[in-house]
Amino acid sequence: MTTSPPVPELADRAAACADRLRAADEVLVASHIDADGLTSAAVASAALERAGIAHEQTFQKQLDADAVAGIAAREYDVVLFTDFGSGQLDDIARHEERGAFTPVVADHHQPVEGADTEYHLNPLLVGIDGAKELSGAGAAYVLARALGEDNRDLAATTVVGAVGDMQDSSGELHGANAAIVAEGVEAGVLAEGKDLAVYGKQTRPLPKLLEYATDVFVPGISNSQSGAISFLEDLDVETRDDEGDWKRWVDLTDDERQTVASALVQHAVKRGVPARKIDRLVGTTYTLLDEPSGTELRDASEFSTLLNATARYEREDVGLAVCLGDRGAALDTARGLLRQHRRNLSEGLQWVKRHGVTHEDNLQWFDAGSEIRETIVGIIAGMSMGADGVDRSKPVIAFAEDTPEETKVSSRGTGSLVRQGLDLSAVMSEASAEVGGKGGGHDIAAGATIPAGTEAAFVEAADRIVGEQLG
C-alpha cells in the first residue's frame, strides 16, 4: 500500500493544514463553482467526514472582497478555501488579523504577491506548475491524504477535476497529477489507457461522436453529420445494434475501435491534416471503474462536463451531491441540466459565428452582453477557436454582462501560444487592474471582472500586454 504522500514537496504544508482542521470546532468549505471547484469541495468534504470533522459547504462564482466578508460573517472557526483563495490572500488576511476565522487554503492559482498564511497549500509555492501539474482538486487531494491514508479512492474524483480544468490538454495528465492517477489505479478506482481522444465515447452515438470531434478538425467528418455517417457506413464494422440504432464507442469491441481509429487517421492524412495534429487524435483516457459503463460518470471528461452543467446554473448543490455518490434524484437533475447546458453552448457558439470576433494586433474578442450567460462565456470562447473567422494564432477574449455595473471577462489560448510565452493569468490581472477590476487564473485560460463601460480600455491594455509576451 502507498504510504508516502503523492506530492512530497507539499507534505509539510499539508500536514500543518490537516492538523489545523482537526483542531477546529467546525469548518466551512468554500469553493469555486466549476468542475475543478466542485470536485475540490467533494474531496475535501469526504476527507473531513471520514476524519469526523464537522463541516458545511458554500460556493462562490468569484472570491472578491465582498465574498470574503460574507464568508467571515458566517462566524466559522476555520474556513477551508478550495480552488481559490491564493489570489485573495490579502483580503483573507484582513479578516484573519481581526480574528474572524483561521484560513486554510488548498488552491493552485497564482498567489497574490506579498501575502501568505501559515496554512497555505499551493503547488506554485514549491515549484510545481498549478496550471498543468496539479489542479484545485489535486491540492484538496494532497490535503485529504494528510487527513487519512485511506483516502486514496478520492483520486478518481480528483482526476475528474484535473481533466475539467483542462490539465490534460497535452493529451495526458502529468507531473503531480500523474502521481495521483497512479494512486487511483493502485486503489482500483481508476483505469488509464490510450484511446481515441474525442469527447463522448461513453454516451454519444457514433455519428455524433465524430461530427462533434473538432479539437482536431478532420475535413469531411468534423461538423458534418452526413460525412460522419458516410465514413462509418464505409467501414467493415457493425456500427448499429440489433434494433438498427447507432452504437456508441463504448459498445464496440477493441478490434472494432481499432478499425475505426485507424480509418479516421488515414482519412485525416488523405485530407491533408498535419502530422502534429493527427498525433492528437489519440490520447490518454481516465476511466472511473466504480461507475457504470455507458454513463457520463464512467469517463473523466464527460463527468467533468456534467459537473459544469450544475454549478454554472446555480445548482452547485446538485454537482456536489453527485460527486459524493448520489445516484438518484441529484444525478437525474444533473442530467437535465446537462441537456440544457449543451443547448446553451450550441446557441452561444452559433451567436459567435453570426456576429464574429473583432481582431486586434495580438488578440481577438467578442462582447456577448446579456446574450450569453457569464458563467459559460469562457467555455464558448474556447469552443469558438475552431470556428470560421477565429484565428488560433491569437488568444480570444470574451465579455458578458455580470451585473449592470460589472462585466465578466473570459480568455482562452492554446498550448502553442503558451509555449510561445502567453500567460493569460498575467494578462487578465494586469489589464483588469488598469481599469479598476480584478482578474487572474492560468496561462491558457483566465478571467476577470471589470467595471461596465471599461471594455474598450481593457482590450487596449490586454492587446498591448499580449504583444509584449509574444514579442
Protein backbone atom coordinates (compact mmCIF):
# COMPACT_ATOMS: atom_id res chain seq x y z
CA MET A 1 0.00 0.00 0.00
CA THR A 2 1.18 3.53 -0.76
CA THR A 3 2.19 5.32 2.43
CA SER A 4 4.18 8.26 1.09
CA PRO A 5 2.35 11.48 0.12
CA PRO A 6 1.54 11.83 -3.60
CA VAL A 7 3.33 15.20 -3.75
CA PRO A 8 6.24 15.07 -1.28
CA GLU A 9 7.12 18.73 -1.81
CA LEU A 10 3.79 19.71 -0.24
CA ALA A 11 3.84 17.18 2.61
CA ASP A 12 4.81 19.59 5.40
CA ARG A 13 2.26 22.20 4.37
CA ALA A 14 -0.43 19.53 4.00
CA ALA A 15 0.34 18.15 7.46
CA ALA A 16 0.09 21.61 9.04
CA CYS A 17 -3.23 22.26 7.28
CA ALA A 18 -4.58 18.86 8.37
CA ASP A 19 -3.61 19.50 11.99
CA ARG A 20 -5.42 22.84 11.94
CA LEU A 21 -8.57 21.25 10.53
CA ARG A 22 -8.53 18.50 13.17
CA ALA A 23 -8.40 21.17 15.89
CA ALA A 24 -11.41 23.07 14.52
CA ASP A 25 -14.84 23.00 16.13
CA GLU A 26 -16.48 23.36 12.72
CA VAL A 27 -15.15 24.03 9.24
CA LEU A 28 -16.71 25.93 6.36
CA VAL A 29 -15.53 24.64 2.98
CA ALA A 30 -15.69 27.49 0.45
CA SER A 31 -15.08 26.60 -3.18
CA HIS A 32 -15.37 27.73 -6.79
CA ILE A 33 -18.31 26.67 -8.98
CA ASP A 34 -16.63 24.96 -11.94
CA ALA A 35 -15.83 21.25 -12.24
CA ASP A 36 -12.49 21.66 -10.50
CA GLY A 37 -14.11 23.64 -7.70
CA LEU A 38 -16.90 21.11 -7.20
CA THR A 39 -14.53 18.17 -7.11
CA SER A 40 -12.23 20.10 -4.77
CA ALA A 41 -15.11 20.62 -2.36
CA ALA A 42 -16.18 16.99 -2.70
CA VAL A 43 -12.69 15.63 -1.99
CA ALA A 44 -12.32 17.95 1.00
CA SER A 45 -15.82 17.15 2.30
CA ALA A 46 -15.31 13.39 2.03
CA ALA A 47 -11.98 13.60 3.84
CA LEU A 48 -13.42 15.81 6.61
CA GLU A 49 -16.37 13.45 7.02
CA ARG A 50 -14.08 10.45 7.38
CA ALA A 51 -11.95 12.33 9.91
CA GLY A 52 -15.04 13.16 11.97
CA ILE A 53 -14.68 16.92 11.45
CA ALA A 54 -17.98 18.84 11.36
CA HIS A 55 -18.28 20.99 8.27
CA GLU A 56 -20.55 22.70 5.76
CA GLN A 57 -20.02 23.91 2.19
CA THR A 58 -20.54 27.16 0.34
CA PHE A 59 -19.78 28.09 -3.26
CA GLN A 60 -18.86 31.36 -4.94
CA LYS A 61 -18.69 32.38 -8.61
CA GLN A 62 -15.72 34.51 -7.69
CA LEU A 63 -13.88 35.24 -4.48
CA ASP A 64 -13.63 39.00 -4.10
CA ALA A 65 -13.52 41.26 -1.04
CA ASP A 66 -17.30 41.20 -0.64
CA ALA A 67 -17.44 37.41 -0.89
CA VAL A 68 -14.68 37.02 1.72
CA ALA A 69 -16.53 39.44 4.01
CA GLY A 70 -19.71 37.40 3.59
CA ILE A 71 -17.84 34.21 4.49
CA ALA A 72 -16.33 35.90 7.55
CA ALA A 73 -19.79 36.96 8.71
CA ARG A 74 -20.80 33.29 9.00
CA GLU A 75 -18.52 33.01 12.07
CA TYR A 76 -16.84 29.66 11.49
CA ASP A 77 -13.73 28.76 13.44
CA VAL A 78 -11.89 27.65 10.30
CA VAL A 79 -12.61 28.32 6.63
CA LEU A 80 -11.10 25.91 4.11
CA PHE A 81 -10.81 27.60 0.70
CA THR A 82 -10.53 25.14 -2.18
CA ASP A 83 -9.77 26.01 -5.82
CA PHE A 84 -9.46 29.65 -4.93
CA GLY A 85 -8.05 31.76 -2.11
CA SER A 86 -4.38 32.10 -3.11
CA GLY A 87 -5.14 35.13 -5.25
CA GLN A 88 -7.19 36.68 -2.45
CA LEU A 89 -4.83 36.16 0.49
CA ASP A 90 -4.69 39.90 1.12
CA ASP A 91 -8.46 40.09 1.61
CA ILE A 92 -8.44 36.87 3.65
CA ALA A 93 -5.58 38.11 5.86
CA ARG A 94 -7.55 41.19 6.93
CA HIS A 95 -10.26 39.01 8.41
CA GLU A 96 -7.74 36.60 9.91
CA GLU A 97 -5.99 39.50 11.68
CA ARG A 98 -9.18 40.59 13.39
CA GLY A 99 -9.94 37.03 14.48
CA ALA A 100 -12.92 36.37 12.21
CA PHE A 101 -11.62 32.93 11.21
CA THR A 102 -8.46 30.94 10.61
CA PRO A 103 -8.00 30.28 6.89
CA VAL A 104 -6.74 27.06 5.33
CA VAL A 105 -6.13 27.43 1.59
CA ALA A 106 -5.83 24.48 -0.84
CA ASP A 107 -5.51 26.15 -4.23
CA HIS A 108 -3.43 26.10 -7.41
CA HIS A 109 -3.89 29.62 -8.78
CA GLN A 110 -1.26 32.35 -8.69
CA PRO A 111 -0.83 33.65 -5.11
CA VAL A 112 -1.10 37.37 -4.57
CA GLU A 113 2.32 38.96 -4.10
CA GLY A 114 3.43 39.80 -0.59
CA ALA A 115 0.75 37.80 1.20
CA ASP A 116 0.75 34.31 2.67
CA THR A 117 -0.85 32.39 5.50
CA GLU A 118 0.53 29.71 7.76
CA TYR A 119 -1.91 27.19 6.35
CA HIS A 120 -1.44 27.66 2.61
CA LEU A 121 -1.21 24.63 0.31
CA ASN A 122 -0.37 25.56 -3.29
CA PRO A 123 1.87 23.75 -5.80
CA LEU A 124 3.27 27.06 -7.07
CA LEU A 125 4.91 27.60 -3.69
CA VAL A 126 7.15 24.56 -4.27
CA GLY A 127 7.88 25.00 -7.97
CA ILE A 128 5.05 22.81 -9.33
CA ASP A 129 3.01 24.28 -12.20
CA GLY A 130 -0.54 24.83 -10.95
CA ALA A 131 -1.88 25.24 -14.49
CA LYS A 132 -0.56 21.91 -15.79
CA GLU A 133 0.63 19.65 -12.97
CA LEU A 134 -1.84 19.98 -10.08
CA SER A 135 -5.44 21.22 -10.08
CA GLY A 136 -7.51 22.63 -7.24
CA ALA A 137 -8.92 19.16 -6.68
CA GLY A 138 -5.33 17.90 -6.65
CA ALA A 139 -4.43 20.33 -3.86
CA ALA A 140 -7.52 19.17 -1.95
CA TYR A 141 -6.45 15.56 -2.52
CA VAL A 142 -2.99 16.20 -1.08
CA LEU A 143 -4.74 17.64 1.98
CA ALA A 144 -7.14 14.67 2.10
CA ARG A 145 -4.22 12.24 2.09
CA ALA A 146 -2.72 14.14 5.02
CA LEU A 147 -6.03 13.71 6.84
CA GLY A 148 -6.16 9.96 6.25
CA GLU A 149 -4.18 7.26 4.39
CA ASP A 150 -7.44 5.55 3.35
CA ASN A 151 -8.40 8.48 1.13
CA ARG A 152 -6.64 7.19 -1.99
CA ASP A 153 -10.02 6.28 -3.51
CA LEU A 154 -10.68 10.02 -3.78
CA ALA A 155 -8.16 10.06 -6.63
CA ALA A 156 -10.99 9.27 -9.05
CA THR A 157 -12.91 12.44 -8.17
CA THR A 158 -9.64 14.38 -8.20
CA VAL A 159 -8.84 13.31 -11.76
CA VAL A 160 -12.29 14.50 -12.88
CA GLY A 161 -11.36 17.93 -11.53
CA ALA A 162 -7.97 17.95 -13.23
CA VAL A 163 -9.49 16.97 -16.58
CA GLY A 164 -12.26 19.55 -16.12
CA ASP A 165 -9.53 22.14 -15.55
CA MET A 166 -8.02 21.19 -18.95
CA GLN A 167 -4.79 19.95 -17.35
CA ASP A 168 -4.76 17.06 -19.82
CA SER A 169 -4.65 19.44 -22.81
CA SER A 170 -1.29 17.95 -23.85
CA GLY A 171 -3.00 14.57 -24.26
CA GLU A 172 -2.49 13.27 -20.74
CA LEU A 173 -2.10 14.30 -17.12
CA HIS A 174 1.47 14.62 -15.94
CA GLY A 175 3.59 15.83 -13.05
CA ALA A 176 1.88 15.68 -9.68
CA ASN A 177 -1.39 14.80 -11.41
CA ALA A 178 0.24 11.62 -12.74
CA ALA A 179 1.20 10.62 -9.21
CA ILE A 180 -2.44 10.96 -8.17
CA VAL A 181 -3.55 8.90 -11.18
CA ALA A 182 -1.10 6.18 -10.11
CA GLU A 183 -2.64 6.15 -6.63
CA GLY A 184 -6.11 5.85 -8.12
CA VAL A 185 -5.01 2.94 -10.30
CA GLU A 186 -3.39 1.27 -7.30
CA ALA A 187 -6.56 1.79 -5.27
CA GLY A 188 -8.63 0.16 -8.02
CA VAL A 189 -10.84 3.16 -8.74
CA LEU A 190 -9.17 4.36 -11.96
CA ALA A 191 -8.01 2.88 -15.24
CA GLU A 192 -5.59 4.71 -17.51
CA GLY A 193 -5.28 3.84 -21.19
CA LYS A 194 -4.80 5.07 -24.75
CA ASP A 195 -7.85 5.65 -26.91
CA LEU A 196 -9.38 7.97 -29.47
CA ALA A 197 -9.11 11.46 -27.98
CA VAL A 198 -12.67 12.67 -28.59
CA TYR A 199 -15.38 13.68 -26.17
CA GLY A 200 -18.45 11.50 -25.65
CA LYS A 201 -17.15 7.96 -26.06
CA GLN A 202 -19.45 6.70 -23.32
CA THR A 203 -22.71 8.35 -24.34
CA ARG A 204 -22.75 9.75 -27.88
CA PRO A 205 -23.95 7.72 -30.89
CA LEU A 206 -21.02 7.15 -33.26
CA PRO A 207 -22.02 9.71 -35.93
CA LYS A 208 -22.42 12.45 -33.30
CA LEU A 209 -19.16 11.39 -31.67
CA LEU A 210 -17.25 12.04 -34.90
CA GLU A 211 -19.29 15.00 -36.11
CA TYR A 212 -18.66 16.94 -32.90
CA ALA A 213 -14.99 15.93 -32.62
CA THR A 214 -13.44 19.23 -33.69
CA ASP A 215 -10.36 19.58 -31.44
CA VAL A 216 -8.56 18.01 -34.38
CA PHE A 217 -10.61 19.13 -37.38
CA VAL A 218 -10.96 16.31 -39.91
CA PRO A 219 -12.36 17.67 -43.21
CA GLY A 220 -15.40 15.80 -44.43
CA ILE A 221 -16.24 14.42 -40.97
CA SER A 222 -15.94 17.16 -38.34
CA ASN A 223 -19.06 19.35 -38.25
CA SER A 224 -20.64 17.15 -40.96
CA GLN A 225 -23.39 14.74 -39.97
CA SER A 226 -23.64 13.27 -43.47
CA GLY A 227 -19.86 12.98 -43.71
CA ALA A 228 -19.61 11.17 -40.38
CA ILE A 229 -22.37 8.75 -41.36
CA SER A 230 -20.83 8.07 -44.76
CA PHE A 231 -17.45 7.43 -43.18
CA LEU A 232 -18.91 4.91 -40.72
CA GLU A 233 -21.01 3.12 -43.32
CA ASP A 234 -17.95 2.53 -45.49
CA LEU A 235 -16.20 0.60 -42.70
CA ASP A 236 -16.29 -3.15 -42.19
CA VAL A 237 -17.63 -2.68 -38.66
CA GLU A 238 -21.04 -3.37 -37.12
CA THR A 239 -21.86 0.19 -36.15
CA ARG A 240 -25.57 -0.40 -35.46
CA ASP A 241 -27.23 -2.63 -32.88
CA ASP A 242 -29.92 -5.28 -33.49
CA GLU A 243 -32.63 -2.59 -33.47
CA GLY A 244 -30.82 -0.56 -36.10
CA ASP A 245 -29.76 2.20 -33.71
CA TRP A 246 -26.26 3.61 -33.84
CA LYS A 247 -23.86 2.13 -31.33
CA ARG A 248 -21.66 4.22 -29.06
CA TRP A 249 -17.88 3.97 -28.96
CA VAL A 250 -18.10 2.02 -25.69
CA ASP A 251 -20.33 -0.58 -27.41
CA LEU A 252 -17.64 -1.52 -29.94
CA THR A 253 -15.12 -4.30 -29.40
CA ASP A 254 -11.45 -3.45 -29.04
CA ASP A 255 -10.82 -4.61 -32.61
CA GLU A 256 -13.71 -2.53 -33.93
CA ARG A 257 -12.44 0.56 -32.13
CA GLN A 258 -9.01 0.00 -33.61
CA THR A 259 -10.52 -0.28 -37.10
CA VAL A 260 -12.45 2.98 -36.74
CA ALA A 261 -9.49 4.85 -35.24
CA SER A 262 -7.11 3.66 -37.97
CA ALA A 263 -9.56 4.60 -40.70
CA LEU A 264 -10.03 8.03 -39.14
CA VAL A 265 -6.27 8.63 -39.11
CA GLN A 266 -5.99 7.50 -42.74
CA HIS A 267 -8.86 9.81 -43.73
CA ALA A 268 -7.18 12.72 -41.93
CA VAL A 269 -3.89 12.06 -43.72
CA LYS A 270 -5.61 11.99 -47.12
CA ARG A 271 -7.37 15.28 -46.33
CA GLY A 272 -4.07 16.98 -45.51
CA VAL A 273 -4.30 17.22 -41.73
CA PRO A 274 -0.75 17.90 -40.44
CA ALA A 275 1.00 15.03 -38.66
CA ARG A 276 1.34 17.03 -35.43
CA LYS A 277 -2.46 17.35 -35.30
CA ILE A 278 -3.09 13.74 -36.28
CA ASP A 279 -0.98 12.68 -33.30
CA ARG A 280 -3.57 14.40 -31.09
CA LEU A 281 -6.34 12.09 -32.31
CA VAL A 282 -5.14 9.54 -29.77
CA GLY A 283 -4.70 10.44 -26.12
CA THR A 284 -4.80 9.11 -22.58
CA THR A 285 -8.22 8.37 -21.13
CA TYR A 286 -9.20 8.08 -17.48
CA THR A 287 -12.00 5.65 -16.62
CA LEU A 288 -13.79 5.60 -13.27
CA LEU A 289 -14.09 1.89 -12.59
CA ASP A 290 -16.80 2.13 -9.94
CA GLU A 291 -19.22 3.85 -12.34
CA PRO A 292 -21.46 2.01 -14.86
CA SER A 293 -20.19 1.69 -18.42
CA GLY A 294 -22.08 3.83 -20.92
CA THR A 295 -22.83 6.65 -18.47
CA GLU A 296 -21.47 10.19 -18.17
CA LEU A 297 -19.81 9.21 -14.90
CA ARG A 298 -17.58 6.50 -16.36
CA ASP A 299 -15.30 8.88 -18.28
CA ALA A 300 -13.47 11.71 -16.51
CA SER A 301 -14.07 14.16 -19.35
CA GLU A 302 -17.82 13.52 -19.55
CA PHE A 303 -18.13 13.57 -15.75
CA SER A 304 -16.47 17.00 -15.64
CA THR A 305 -18.89 18.35 -18.25
CA LEU A 306 -21.83 17.06 -16.22
CA LEU A 307 -20.49 18.95 -13.21
CA ASN A 308 -20.04 22.15 -15.22
CA ALA A 309 -23.71 21.89 -16.14
CA THR A 310 -24.75 22.11 -12.49
CA ALA A 311 -22.90 24.86 -10.68
CA ARG A 312 -22.82 27.17 -13.68
CA TYR A 313 -26.61 27.23 -13.42
CA GLU A 314 -26.65 27.91 -9.67
CA ARG A 315 -27.11 24.22 -8.77
CA GLU A 316 -23.75 23.52 -7.19
CA ASP A 317 -25.60 21.51 -4.54
CA VAL A 318 -26.54 19.01 -7.25
CA GLY A 319 -23.00 18.68 -8.57
CA LEU A 320 -21.60 18.22 -5.08
CA ALA A 321 -24.18 15.55 -4.30
CA VAL A 322 -23.26 13.63 -7.46
CA CYS A 323 -19.57 13.84 -6.57
CA LEU A 324 -20.37 12.48 -3.12
CA GLY A 325 -22.25 9.49 -4.51
CA ASP A 326 -25.90 10.46 -5.04
CA ARG A 327 -27.06 8.36 -7.98
CA GLY A 328 -30.76 9.13 -7.57
CA ALA A 329 -32.50 12.50 -7.69
CA ALA A 330 -29.28 14.52 -7.87
CA LEU A 331 -27.99 12.59 -10.88
CA ASP A 332 -31.35 12.88 -12.65
CA THR A 333 -31.33 16.64 -12.08
CA ALA A 334 -27.72 16.91 -13.26
CA ARG A 335 -28.56 15.10 -16.49
CA GLY A 336 -31.42 17.51 -17.14
CA LEU A 337 -29.10 20.45 -16.52
CA LEU A 338 -26.55 18.88 -18.87
CA ARG A 339 -29.10 18.75 -21.68
CA GLN A 340 -29.87 22.44 -21.15
CA HIS A 341 -26.17 23.24 -20.87
CA ARG A 342 -25.49 21.65 -24.26
CA ARG A 343 -28.30 23.65 -25.83
CA ASN A 344 -26.96 26.87 -24.34
CA LEU A 345 -23.42 26.12 -25.53
CA SER A 346 -24.68 25.37 -29.04
CA GLU A 347 -26.74 28.56 -29.13
CA GLY A 348 -23.82 30.58 -27.74
CA LEU A 349 -21.44 29.22 -30.35
CA GLN A 350 -23.95 30.00 -33.09
CA TRP A 351 -24.17 33.56 -31.73
CA VAL A 352 -20.40 33.93 -32.05
CA LYS A 353 -20.47 32.53 -35.59
CA ARG A 354 -23.20 35.01 -36.60
CA HIS A 355 -21.61 38.07 -35.02
CA GLY A 356 -17.97 37.17 -35.46
CA VAL A 357 -15.00 38.43 -33.50
CA THR A 358 -13.08 41.70 -33.63
CA HIS A 359 -9.37 41.35 -34.40
CA GLU A 360 -6.73 43.46 -32.73
CA ASP A 361 -3.00 43.19 -33.44
CA ASN A 362 -2.39 40.49 -30.84
CA LEU A 363 -5.79 39.19 -29.75
CA GLN A 364 -9.41 38.84 -30.84
CA TRP A 365 -12.56 39.45 -28.85
CA PHE A 366 -16.34 39.46 -28.78
CA ASP A 367 -18.85 41.10 -26.46
CA ALA A 368 -21.94 38.96 -25.88
CA GLY A 369 -23.58 41.39 -23.46
CA SER A 370 -26.55 39.59 -21.95
CA GLU A 371 -26.90 37.17 -24.89
CA ILE A 372 -24.63 34.54 -23.31
CA ARG A 373 -24.56 33.67 -19.61
CA GLU A 374 -21.43 34.97 -17.94
CA THR A 375 -20.91 31.56 -16.31
CA ILE A 376 -20.45 29.82 -19.68
CA VAL A 377 -18.99 32.55 -21.89
CA GLY A 378 -15.47 31.25 -21.20
CA ILE A 379 -16.39 27.77 -22.40
CA ILE A 380 -17.87 29.24 -25.57
CA ALA A 381 -14.75 31.35 -26.09
CA GLY A 382 -12.69 28.17 -26.04
CA MET A 383 -15.09 26.36 -28.38
CA SER A 384 -15.05 29.29 -30.80
CA MET A 385 -11.35 28.85 -31.52
CA GLY A 386 -12.25 26.17 -34.03
CA ALA A 387 -14.87 28.30 -35.78
CA ASP A 388 -14.59 30.20 -39.06
CA GLY A 389 -13.14 33.66 -38.65
CA VAL A 390 -11.46 32.88 -35.33
CA ASP A 391 -7.68 32.82 -35.56
CA ARG A 392 -5.99 30.11 -33.43
CA SER A 393 -2.76 32.11 -33.57
CA LYS A 394 -4.27 34.71 -31.23
CA PRO A 395 -5.94 34.35 -27.80
CA VAL A 396 -9.65 35.09 -27.68
CA ILE A 397 -11.27 37.32 -25.08
CA ALA A 398 -15.00 37.27 -24.36
CA PHE A 399 -17.17 39.76 -22.49
CA ALA A 400 -20.56 39.08 -20.92
CA GLU A 401 -22.73 41.08 -18.57
CA ASP A 402 -22.37 40.01 -14.95
CA THR A 403 -24.40 42.79 -13.33
CA PRO A 404 -25.43 46.20 -14.70
CA GLU A 405 -22.31 47.56 -13.01
CA GLU A 406 -19.80 44.80 -13.84
CA THR A 407 -18.65 42.86 -16.89
CA LYS A 408 -17.24 39.35 -16.79
CA VAL A 409 -14.15 38.76 -18.95
CA SER A 410 -13.02 35.29 -20.01
CA SER A 411 -9.96 34.45 -22.06
CA ARG A 412 -8.69 31.32 -23.78
CA GLY A 413 -5.42 30.49 -25.51
CA THR A 414 -3.79 27.40 -26.97
CA GLY A 415 -0.90 25.22 -25.89
CA SER A 416 1.11 26.55 -28.80
CA LEU A 417 0.61 30.15 -27.70
CA VAL A 418 1.55 29.30 -24.11
CA ARG A 419 4.76 27.70 -25.35
CA GLN A 420 5.49 30.99 -27.15
CA GLY A 421 5.14 32.93 -23.89
CA LEU A 422 1.42 33.65 -23.48
CA ASP A 423 0.28 33.95 -19.87
CA LEU A 424 -3.38 34.90 -19.73
CA SER A 425 -3.33 34.96 -15.92
CA ALA A 426 -0.93 37.91 -16.09
CA VAL A 427 -2.91 39.49 -18.94
CA MET A 428 -6.19 39.34 -17.01
CA SER A 429 -4.59 40.52 -13.78
CA GLU A 430 -2.68 43.46 -15.24
CA ALA A 431 -5.28 44.64 -17.77
CA SER A 432 -8.13 44.48 -15.27
CA ALA A 433 -6.09 46.40 -12.70
CA GLU A 434 -5.61 49.20 -15.23
CA VAL A 435 -9.39 49.70 -15.48
CA GLY A 436 -10.26 49.17 -11.80
CA GLY A 437 -11.07 45.47 -11.91
CA LYS A 438 -9.50 42.23 -10.74
CA GLY A 439 -8.50 39.05 -12.54
CA GLY A 440 -6.27 36.01 -12.72
CA GLY A 441 -6.31 32.31 -13.50
CA HIS A 442 -3.97 30.18 -15.60
CA ASP A 443 -1.67 30.80 -18.53
CA ILE A 444 -4.01 29.08 -21.01
CA ALA A 445 -7.35 30.20 -19.50
CA ALA A 446 -8.10 33.10 -17.20
CA GLY A 447 -10.80 35.59 -16.28
CA ALA A 448 -11.53 38.95 -14.75
CA THR A 449 -14.30 41.21 -13.56
CA ILE A 450 -14.17 44.84 -14.68
CA PRO A 451 -16.43 47.89 -14.34
CA ALA A 452 -19.07 48.07 -17.07
CA GLY A 453 -18.08 50.55 -19.75
CA THR A 454 -14.32 49.89 -19.49
CA GLU A 455 -14.26 47.11 -22.09
CA ALA A 456 -12.51 49.18 -24.79
CA ALA A 457 -9.77 50.29 -22.40
CA PHE A 458 -9.39 46.71 -21.21
CA VAL A 459 -8.95 45.42 -24.78
CA GLU A 460 -6.33 48.07 -25.47
CA ALA A 461 -4.37 47.11 -22.35
CA ALA A 462 -4.73 43.37 -22.92
CA ASP A 463 -3.65 43.67 -26.56
CA ARG A 464 -0.52 45.55 -25.50
CA ILE A 465 0.35 43.00 -22.81
CA VAL A 466 -0.17 40.01 -25.10
CA GLY A 467 2.04 41.69 -27.70
CA GLU A 468 4.79 42.14 -25.09
CA GLN A 469 4.52 38.49 -24.05
CA LEU A 470 4.65 37.13 -27.59
CA GLY A 471 7.33 39.51 -28.73
